[in-house]
Amino acid sequence: MFISTILIFLITISLGVWLLMYILKNKNTPKGLALTHGSFAFIGILLLIIYSIFYNAPLVSLLLFIAAAIGGFILIYRDITGKTIPKWLALGHGITALLGLICLILFA
């Protein structure tokens, strides 16, 4: 389950980098891609929570992923409502998630 969680987060971050390219180029983000990215993130966080219930897990990693998810909710809200997406927020969201993944991998 732990390896599956890491793989899900690797897919999520790959999709996130793809989305970030759209934001940095000031292009409209594909909504399907954004929803897929968010769905994978949700599954990853859920797997990490389930893993944490049964085994010792890095809570710092979980907290970083939850913080990134909160940023993701803000980003998708701004995107769906047609507001501009601040590049600093998109980068901060990605960096937070990446730090969560690094903590998770170092824990393994």
Foldseek 3Di string as FASTA:
>chain_A
DLVVLLVLLVVLLVLLVVQLVCLVVVHQGDVVSLVVSLVSLVVSLVVQVVCVVPDPADVQLSVLSVVLNVLSVVQVVCNVVVHRHDSVSSVVSSVSNVVSSVRSVVVD
